[in-house]
Amino acid sequence: MARIVAVCKSEDKGTKKEVVDEGILREDYGLDGDAHADCCTHRQVSLLAMESIDKMRKLGLEVGPGDFAENLTTEGVELASLPVGTEIAIGKDILLEVTQIGKECHRGCAIFKQTGKCIMPKEGIFARVLGGGPVRVGDEIRIERRG
């Protein structure tokens, strides 16, 4: 079963995110209390798989959920293989639409400085919130429709 491993947010852009017990995803906005939430962008929520974070751990880095500035850390789904337009259901109420795969990494981010590489540019994904609600660790993730 694919599931949420961590919910992460920060008040400032350009910083790693703090792991919280739960969050509220608002329709056409993003994660309440997160600096990246915005009604007018296609990158309202970011997701990264724990499997991707584990790749960086194998390189000797002590990293975990939120260190790559992702809002939702997942397990059991290959996020980067999902095409744009894919709809992802989380828990009972949440519906996300994948809008972007990867991103251009910030110049000189802390992870890149340590290792010479970062996983977010190729393995992180971004989504728009189609249906909001509470999100918690352990919530089930389902692929509703592939793009």
N, C-alpha and C. Protein backbone atom coordinates (compact mmCIF):
# COMPACT_ATOMS: atom_id res chain seq x y z
N MET A 1 0.84 -1.19 0.00
CA MET A 1 0.00 0.00 0.00
C MET A 1 0.88 1.25 0.00
N ALA A 2 0.60 2.16 -0.88
CA ALA A 2 1.29 3.45 -0.91
C ALA A 2 0.69 4.32 0.19
N ARG A 3 1.58 5.12 0.85
CA ARG A 3 1.09 5.92 1.98
C ARG A 3 1.92 7.18 2.17
N ILE A 4 1.39 8.08 2.99
CA ILE A 4 2.10 9.29 3.39
C ILE A 4 3.02 8.94 4.55
N VAL A 5 4.30 9.30 4.43
CA VAL A 5 5.30 9.05 5.47
C VAL A 5 5.49 10.29 6.34
N ALA A 6 5.37 11.48 5.74
CA ALA A 6 5.54 12.71 6.50
C ALA A 6 4.80 13.86 5.83
N VAL A 7 4.33 14.79 6.65
CA VAL A 7 3.75 16.05 6.21
C VAL A 7 4.72 17.12 6.68
N CYS A 8 5.14 18.02 5.76
CA CYS A 8 6.19 18.98 6.08
C CYS A 8 5.80 20.38 5.60
N LYS A 9 6.16 21.38 6.40
CA LYS A 9 5.89 22.76 5.98
C LYS A 9 6.92 23.70 6.60
N SER A 10 7.02 24.88 6.01
CA SER A 10 7.90 25.93 6.53
C SER A 10 7.27 27.28 6.24
N GLU A 11 7.57 28.25 7.07
CA GLU A 11 7.04 29.59 6.88
C GLU A 11 7.83 30.38 5.86
N ASP A 12 9.07 29.95 5.58
CA ASP A 12 9.96 30.66 4.66
C ASP A 12 10.33 29.80 3.47
N LYS A 13 10.45 30.42 2.32
CA LYS A 13 10.92 29.72 1.12
C LYS A 13 12.43 29.55 1.22
N GLY A 14 12.94 28.52 0.54
CA GLY A 14 14.38 28.31 0.50
C GLY A 14 14.96 27.63 1.72
N THR A 15 14.10 27.07 2.57
CA THR A 15 14.58 26.38 3.76
C THR A 15 14.00 24.97 3.79
N LYS A 16 14.66 24.09 4.54
CA LYS A 16 14.07 22.76 4.68
C LYS A 16 12.80 22.90 5.51
N LYS A 17 11.92 21.92 5.37
CA LYS A 17 10.62 22.01 6.02
C LYS A 17 10.59 21.18 7.30
N GLU A 18 9.75 21.62 8.22
CA GLU A 18 9.57 20.94 9.50
C GLU A 18 8.49 19.88 9.36
N VAL A 19 8.74 18.70 9.93
CA VAL A 19 7.74 17.64 9.93
C VAL A 19 6.69 17.96 10.99
N VAL A 20 5.41 17.87 10.58
CA VAL A 20 4.29 18.14 11.49
C VAL A 20 3.39 16.90 11.56
N ASP A 21 2.58 16.81 12.60
CA ASP A 21 1.70 15.65 12.78
C ASP A 21 0.66 15.52 11.67
N GLU A 22 0.10 16.65 11.28
CA GLU A 22 -0.89 16.64 10.21
C GLU A 22 -0.97 18.03 9.60
N GLY A 23 -1.58 18.10 8.45
CA GLY A 23 -1.77 19.38 7.78
C GLY A 23 -3.13 19.43 7.12
N ILE A 24 -3.45 20.61 6.65
CA ILE A 24 -4.69 20.80 5.89
C ILE A 24 -4.31 21.27 4.50
N LEU A 25 -4.71 20.50 3.50
CA LEU A 25 -4.54 20.90 2.11
C LEU A 25 -5.81 21.60 1.68
N ARG A 26 -5.67 22.83 1.21
CA ARG A 26 -6.82 23.61 0.77
C ARG A 26 -6.92 23.59 -0.75
N GLU A 27 -8.12 23.41 -1.23
CA GLU A 27 -8.38 23.36 -2.67
C GLU A 27 -7.85 24.61 -3.35
N ASP A 28 -7.17 24.40 -4.46
CA ASP A 28 -6.59 25.46 -5.29
C ASP A 28 -5.71 26.43 -4.48
N TYR A 29 -5.02 25.89 -3.48
CA TYR A 29 -4.14 26.73 -2.67
C TYR A 29 -2.87 25.99 -2.25
N GLY A 30 -3.00 24.90 -1.52
CA GLY A 30 -1.84 24.17 -1.03
C GLY A 30 -1.96 23.85 0.44
N LEU A 31 -0.81 23.66 1.09
CA LEU A 31 -0.76 23.27 2.49
C LEU A 31 -0.82 24.51 3.38
N ASP A 32 -1.84 24.58 4.22
CA ASP A 32 -1.98 25.71 5.15
C ASP A 32 -0.69 25.91 5.93
N GLY A 33 -0.24 27.16 6.01
CA GLY A 33 0.94 27.49 6.80
C GLY A 33 2.26 27.29 6.10
N ASP A 34 2.23 26.89 4.82
CA ASP A 34 3.48 26.67 4.09
C ASP A 34 3.75 27.86 3.16
N ALA A 35 5.00 28.25 3.08
CA ALA A 35 5.40 29.41 2.28
C ALA A 35 5.11 29.24 0.79
N HIS A 36 5.04 28.00 0.30
CA HIS A 36 4.82 27.79 -1.14
C HIS A 36 3.36 27.71 -1.54
N ALA A 37 2.47 27.69 -0.57
CA ALA A 37 1.04 27.62 -0.90
C ALA A 37 0.63 28.92 -1.59
N ASP A 38 -0.14 28.78 -2.68
CA ASP A 38 -0.54 29.95 -3.45
C ASP A 38 -1.67 29.55 -4.39
N CYS A 39 -2.65 30.42 -4.49
CA CYS A 39 -3.79 30.12 -5.35
C CYS A 39 -3.46 30.24 -6.84
N CYS A 40 -2.38 30.91 -7.14
CA CYS A 40 -2.14 31.27 -8.53
C CYS A 40 -0.93 30.55 -9.14
N THR A 41 -0.68 29.34 -8.73
CA THR A 41 0.45 28.59 -9.27
C THR A 41 0.06 27.14 -9.51
N HIS A 42 0.81 26.48 -10.36
CA HIS A 42 0.58 25.06 -10.60
C HIS A 42 1.43 24.21 -9.65
N ARG A 43 2.25 24.86 -8.82
CA ARG A 43 3.11 24.14 -7.88
C ARG A 43 2.65 24.41 -6.44
N GLN A 44 1.42 24.00 -6.14
CA GLN A 44 0.84 24.27 -4.82
C GLN A 44 1.35 23.32 -3.75
N VAL A 45 1.69 22.09 -4.14
CA VAL A 45 2.16 21.07 -3.22
C VAL A 45 3.30 20.31 -3.88
N SER A 46 4.34 20.00 -3.09
CA SER A 46 5.45 19.20 -3.61
C SER A 46 5.48 17.85 -2.91
N LEU A 47 5.84 16.83 -3.68
CA LEU A 47 5.90 15.46 -3.15
C LEU A 47 7.24 14.84 -3.52
N LEU A 48 7.77 14.04 -2.61
CA LEU A 48 9.01 13.31 -2.84
C LEU A 48 8.89 11.96 -2.15
N ALA A 49 9.36 10.92 -2.82
CA ALA A 49 9.27 9.56 -2.28
C ALA A 49 10.39 9.28 -1.28
N MET A 50 10.06 8.55 -0.24
CA MET A 50 11.05 8.11 0.75
C MET A 50 12.13 7.28 0.05
N GLU A 51 11.74 6.56 -0.97
CA GLU A 51 12.70 5.76 -1.73
C GLU A 51 13.78 6.66 -2.35
N SER A 52 13.40 7.87 -2.76
CA SER A 52 14.37 8.83 -3.30
C SER A 52 15.30 9.34 -2.20
N ILE A 53 14.73 9.64 -1.05
CA ILE A 53 15.55 10.10 0.08
C ILE A 53 16.54 9.02 0.49
N ASP A 54 16.10 7.76 0.44
CA ASP A 54 16.99 6.65 0.79
C ASP A 54 18.20 6.57 -0.15
N LYS A 55 18.02 6.97 -1.41
CA LYS A 55 19.16 7.01 -2.34
C LYS A 55 20.25 7.95 -1.84
N MET A 56 19.84 9.09 -1.31
CA MET A 56 20.79 10.06 -0.78
C MET A 56 21.42 9.56 0.52
N ARG A 57 20.66 8.83 1.31
CA ARG A 57 21.21 8.24 2.54
C ARG A 57 22.30 7.24 2.21
N LYS A 58 22.13 6.51 1.12
CA LYS A 58 23.14 5.52 0.71
C LYS A 58 24.45 6.20 0.30
N LEU A 59 24.38 7.48 -0.01
CA LEU A 59 25.59 8.25 -0.32
C LEU A 59 26.26 8.78 0.95
N GLY A 60 25.67 8.45 2.11
CA GLY A 60 26.25 8.86 3.37
C GLY A 60 25.66 10.10 4.00
N LEU A 61 24.61 10.64 3.39
CA LEU A 61 23.98 11.85 3.94
C LEU A 61 22.97 11.49 5.02
N GLU A 62 22.93 12.29 6.06
CA GLU A 62 21.91 12.13 7.09
C GLU A 62 20.76 13.07 6.74
N VAL A 63 19.85 12.58 5.93
CA VAL A 63 18.72 13.37 5.47
C VAL A 63 17.43 12.60 5.74
N GLY A 64 16.34 13.35 5.76
CA GLY A 64 15.05 12.73 5.99
C GLY A 64 13.95 13.58 5.42
N PRO A 65 12.71 13.24 5.75
CA PRO A 65 11.57 14.01 5.26
C PRO A 65 11.70 15.49 5.59
N GLY A 66 11.36 16.32 4.59
CA GLY A 66 11.40 17.77 4.74
C GLY A 66 12.73 18.40 4.37
N ASP A 67 13.80 17.62 4.35
CA ASP A 67 15.12 18.17 4.04
C ASP A 67 15.25 18.63 2.59
N PHE A 68 14.39 18.13 1.71
CA PHE A 68 14.42 18.53 0.31
C PHE A 68 13.30 19.53 0.01
N ALA A 69 12.70 20.08 1.06
CA ALA A 69 11.65 21.10 0.98
C ALA A 69 10.35 20.57 0.38
N GLU A 70 10.14 19.26 0.48
CA GLU A 70 8.87 18.69 0.00
C GLU A 70 7.80 18.81 1.08
N ASN A 71 6.54 18.96 0.63
CA ASN A 71 5.41 19.02 1.57
C ASN A 71 4.98 17.63 2.02
N LEU A 72 4.95 16.70 1.09
CA LEU A 72 4.49 15.35 1.40
C LEU A 72 5.56 14.35 1.01
N THR A 73 5.97 13.55 1.98
CA THR A 73 6.91 12.46 1.72
C THR A 73 6.07 11.20 1.62
N THR A 74 6.28 10.44 0.54
CA THR A 74 5.45 9.27 0.27
C THR A 74 6.29 8.00 0.34
N GLU A 75 5.58 6.88 0.29
CA GLU A 75 6.24 5.58 0.23
C GLU A 75 5.36 4.65 -0.60
N GLY A 76 5.99 3.87 -1.47
CA GLY A 76 5.25 2.86 -2.20
C GLY A 76 4.70 3.27 -3.55
N VAL A 77 5.06 4.45 -4.03
CA VAL A 77 4.61 4.89 -5.36
C VAL A 77 5.79 5.60 -6.05
N GLU A 78 6.04 5.25 -7.30
CA GLU A 78 7.11 5.90 -8.07
C GLU A 78 6.59 7.22 -8.61
N LEU A 79 6.78 8.26 -7.84
CA LEU A 79 6.21 9.57 -8.19
C LEU A 79 6.72 10.07 -9.54
N ALA A 80 8.02 9.98 -9.77
CA ALA A 80 8.60 10.54 -10.99
C ALA A 80 8.12 9.84 -12.26
N SER A 81 7.52 8.65 -12.12
CA SER A 81 7.01 7.94 -13.30
C SER A 81 5.58 8.35 -13.65
N LEU A 82 4.95 9.16 -12.80
CA LEU A 82 3.57 9.58 -13.05
C LEU A 82 3.55 10.73 -14.05
N PRO A 83 2.81 10.60 -15.13
CA PRO A 83 2.76 11.70 -16.09
C PRO A 83 1.97 12.90 -15.57
N VAL A 84 2.31 14.05 -16.10
CA VAL A 84 1.55 15.26 -15.80
C VAL A 84 0.08 14.98 -16.14
N GLY A 85 -0.81 15.43 -15.28
CA GLY A 85 -2.24 15.19 -15.46
C GLY A 85 -2.77 14.04 -14.61
N THR A 86 -1.86 13.24 -14.04
CA THR A 86 -2.28 12.13 -13.18
C THR A 86 -2.98 12.69 -11.94
N GLU A 87 -4.04 12.03 -11.53
CA GLU A 87 -4.75 12.42 -10.32
C GLU A 87 -4.41 11.44 -9.20
N ILE A 88 -4.02 12.00 -8.06
CA ILE A 88 -3.61 11.23 -6.89
C ILE A 88 -4.60 11.51 -5.76
N ALA A 89 -5.21 10.45 -5.22
CA ALA A 89 -6.10 10.58 -4.08
C ALA A 89 -5.32 10.24 -2.81
N ILE A 90 -5.55 11.02 -1.75
CA ILE A 90 -4.90 10.78 -0.46
C ILE A 90 -5.99 10.77 0.61
N GLY A 91 -6.00 9.70 1.40
CA GLY A 91 -7.00 9.60 2.45
C GLY A 91 -8.40 9.61 1.87
N LYS A 92 -9.33 10.23 2.59
CA LYS A 92 -10.74 10.21 2.17
C LYS A 92 -11.11 11.36 1.25
N ASP A 93 -10.46 12.52 1.41
CA ASP A 93 -10.94 13.72 0.74
C ASP A 93 -10.02 14.34 -0.30
N ILE A 94 -8.74 14.12 -0.17
CA ILE A 94 -7.77 14.90 -0.96
C ILE A 94 -7.62 14.33 -2.37
N LEU A 95 -7.61 15.24 -3.34
CA LEU A 95 -7.34 14.88 -4.72
C LEU A 95 -6.35 15.90 -5.28
N LEU A 96 -5.21 15.39 -5.77
CA LEU A 96 -4.18 16.23 -6.37
C LEU A 96 -4.06 15.91 -7.85
N GLU A 97 -3.63 16.89 -8.62
CA GLU A 97 -3.32 16.68 -10.03
C GLU A 97 -1.85 17.01 -10.25
N VAL A 98 -1.10 16.04 -10.77
CA VAL A 98 0.32 16.25 -11.04
C VAL A 98 0.46 17.30 -12.14
N THR A 99 1.25 18.34 -11.86
CA THR A 99 1.41 19.44 -12.81
C THR A 99 2.84 19.60 -13.31
N GLN A 100 3.80 19.00 -12.61
CA GLN A 100 5.20 19.15 -13.01
C GLN A 100 6.02 18.02 -12.40
N ILE A 101 6.93 17.48 -13.19
CA ILE A 101 7.88 16.48 -12.71
C ILE A 101 9.24 17.15 -12.62
N GLY A 102 9.81 17.13 -11.43
CA GLY A 102 11.12 17.74 -11.23
C GLY A 102 11.07 19.25 -11.27
N LYS A 103 12.23 19.84 -11.05
CA LYS A 103 12.36 21.30 -11.08
C LYS A 103 13.83 21.65 -11.20
N GLU A 104 14.07 22.88 -11.52
CA GLU A 104 15.44 23.35 -11.53
C GLU A 104 15.84 23.59 -10.09
N CYS A 105 16.95 22.99 -9.68
CA CYS A 105 17.39 23.10 -8.30
C CYS A 105 17.90 24.52 -8.03
N HIS A 106 17.63 25.01 -6.82
CA HIS A 106 18.16 26.31 -6.43
C HIS A 106 19.68 26.27 -6.54
N ARG A 107 20.27 27.32 -7.04
CA ARG A 107 21.73 27.37 -7.14
C ARG A 107 22.33 27.25 -5.76
N GLY A 108 23.19 26.27 -5.61
CA GLY A 108 23.90 26.13 -4.36
C GLY A 108 23.07 25.68 -3.18
N CYS A 109 22.03 24.86 -3.40
CA CYS A 109 21.26 24.37 -2.25
C CYS A 109 22.18 23.54 -1.36
N ALA A 110 21.83 23.40 -0.10
CA ALA A 110 22.69 22.74 0.88
C ALA A 110 23.00 21.29 0.49
N ILE A 111 22.01 20.57 -0.01
CA ILE A 111 22.23 19.17 -0.39
C ILE A 111 23.21 19.09 -1.55
N PHE A 112 23.04 19.94 -2.56
CA PHE A 112 23.94 19.93 -3.70
C PHE A 112 25.37 20.28 -3.28
N LYS A 113 25.52 21.22 -2.37
CA LYS A 113 26.85 21.59 -1.89
C LYS A 113 27.54 20.42 -1.20
N GLN A 114 26.77 19.60 -0.49
CA GLN A 114 27.35 18.47 0.23
C GLN A 114 27.72 17.32 -0.69
N THR A 115 26.90 17.06 -1.71
CA THR A 115 27.08 15.83 -2.49
C THR A 115 27.37 16.04 -3.96
N GLY A 116 27.11 17.23 -4.47
CA GLY A 116 27.26 17.45 -5.90
C GLY A 116 26.05 17.02 -6.69
N LYS A 117 25.01 16.54 -6.00
CA LYS A 117 23.76 16.17 -6.68
C LYS A 117 22.59 16.31 -5.72
N CYS A 118 21.42 16.38 -6.31
CA CYS A 118 20.19 16.50 -5.53
C CYS A 118 19.10 15.73 -6.27
N ILE A 119 18.19 15.13 -5.51
CA ILE A 119 17.16 14.30 -6.14
C ILE A 119 15.90 15.06 -6.54
N MET A 120 15.65 16.18 -5.90
CA MET A 120 14.40 16.91 -6.17
C MET A 120 14.26 17.30 -7.65
N PRO A 121 15.32 17.72 -8.34
CA PRO A 121 15.14 18.12 -9.74
C PRO A 121 14.65 17.02 -10.66
N LYS A 122 14.90 15.75 -10.33
CA LYS A 122 14.46 14.67 -11.22
C LYS A 122 13.36 13.81 -10.62
N GLU A 123 13.30 13.72 -9.30
CA GLU A 123 12.39 12.77 -8.68
C GLU A 123 11.26 13.40 -7.87
N GLY A 124 11.33 14.67 -7.61
CA GLY A 124 10.24 15.35 -6.92
C GLY A 124 9.15 15.72 -7.91
N ILE A 125 7.92 15.81 -7.43
CA ILE A 125 6.83 16.22 -8.32
C ILE A 125 6.04 17.34 -7.64
N PHE A 126 5.28 18.04 -8.46
CA PHE A 126 4.45 19.14 -7.97
C PHE A 126 3.01 18.90 -8.42
N ALA A 127 2.09 19.41 -7.61
CA ALA A 127 0.68 19.17 -7.89
C ALA A 127 -0.17 20.36 -7.49
N ARG A 128 -1.33 20.40 -8.10
CA ARG A 128 -2.38 21.35 -7.77
C ARG A 128 -3.41 20.61 -6.92
N VAL A 129 -3.99 21.29 -5.93
CA VAL A 129 -4.98 20.67 -5.05
C VAL A 129 -6.37 20.82 -5.67
N LEU A 130 -6.95 19.70 -6.13
CA LEU A 130 -8.29 19.70 -6.71
C LEU A 130 -9.36 19.54 -5.63
N GLY A 131 -9.02 18.80 -4.59
CA GLY A 131 -9.93 18.57 -3.47
C GLY A 131 -9.13 18.57 -2.19
N GLY A 132 -9.51 19.40 -1.24
CA GLY A 132 -8.73 19.55 -0.02
C GLY A 132 -9.24 18.71 1.13
N GLY A 133 -8.48 18.80 2.24
CA GLY A 133 -8.86 18.10 3.46
C GLY A 133 -7.64 17.85 4.32
N PRO A 134 -7.83 17.14 5.42
CA PRO A 134 -6.70 16.84 6.31
C PRO A 134 -5.80 15.76 5.72
N VAL A 135 -4.49 15.89 5.96
CA VAL A 135 -3.52 14.89 5.52
C VAL A 135 -2.66 14.53 6.72
N ARG A 136 -2.47 13.23 6.92
CA ARG A 136 -1.73 12.72 8.07
C ARG A 136 -0.80 11.59 7.65
N VAL A 137 0.20 11.36 8.49
CA VAL A 137 1.08 10.21 8.31
C VAL A 137 0.22 8.95 8.31
N GLY A 138 0.51 8.06 7.38
CA GLY A 138 -0.24 6.81 7.27
C GLY A 138 -1.40 6.84 6.31
N ASP A 139 -1.81 8.04 5.86
CA ASP A 139 -2.91 8.12 4.90
C ASP A 139 -2.56 7.35 3.63
N GLU A 140 -3.53 6.62 3.12
CA GLU A 140 -3.33 5.83 1.90
C GLU A 140 -3.30 6.74 0.67
N ILE A 141 -2.45 6.37 -0.28
CA ILE A 141 -2.33 7.08 -1.56
C ILE A 141 -2.82 6.14 -2.66
N ARG A 142 -3.70 6.67 -3.52
CA ARG A 142 -4.21 5.90 -4.65
C ARG A 142 -4.06 6.71 -5.93
N ILE A 143 -3.68 6.05 -6.99
CA ILE A 143 -3.63 6.70 -8.30
C ILE A 143 -5.03 6.55 -8.90
N GLU A 144 -5.72 7.68 -9.06
CA GLU A 144 -7.09 7.66 -9.55
C GLU A 144 -7.16 7.64 -11.07
N ARG A 145 -6.29 8.41 -11.69
CA ARG A 145 -6.31 8.51 -13.16
C ARG A 145 -4.92 8.92 -13.60
N ARG A 146 -4.38 8.18 -14.55
CA ARG A 146 -3.06 8.55 -15.10
C ARG A 146 -3.25 9.58 -16.21
N GLY A 147 -2.34 10.56 -16.22
CA GLY A 147 -2.41 11.65 -17.19
C GLY A 147 -2.17 11.22 -18.60
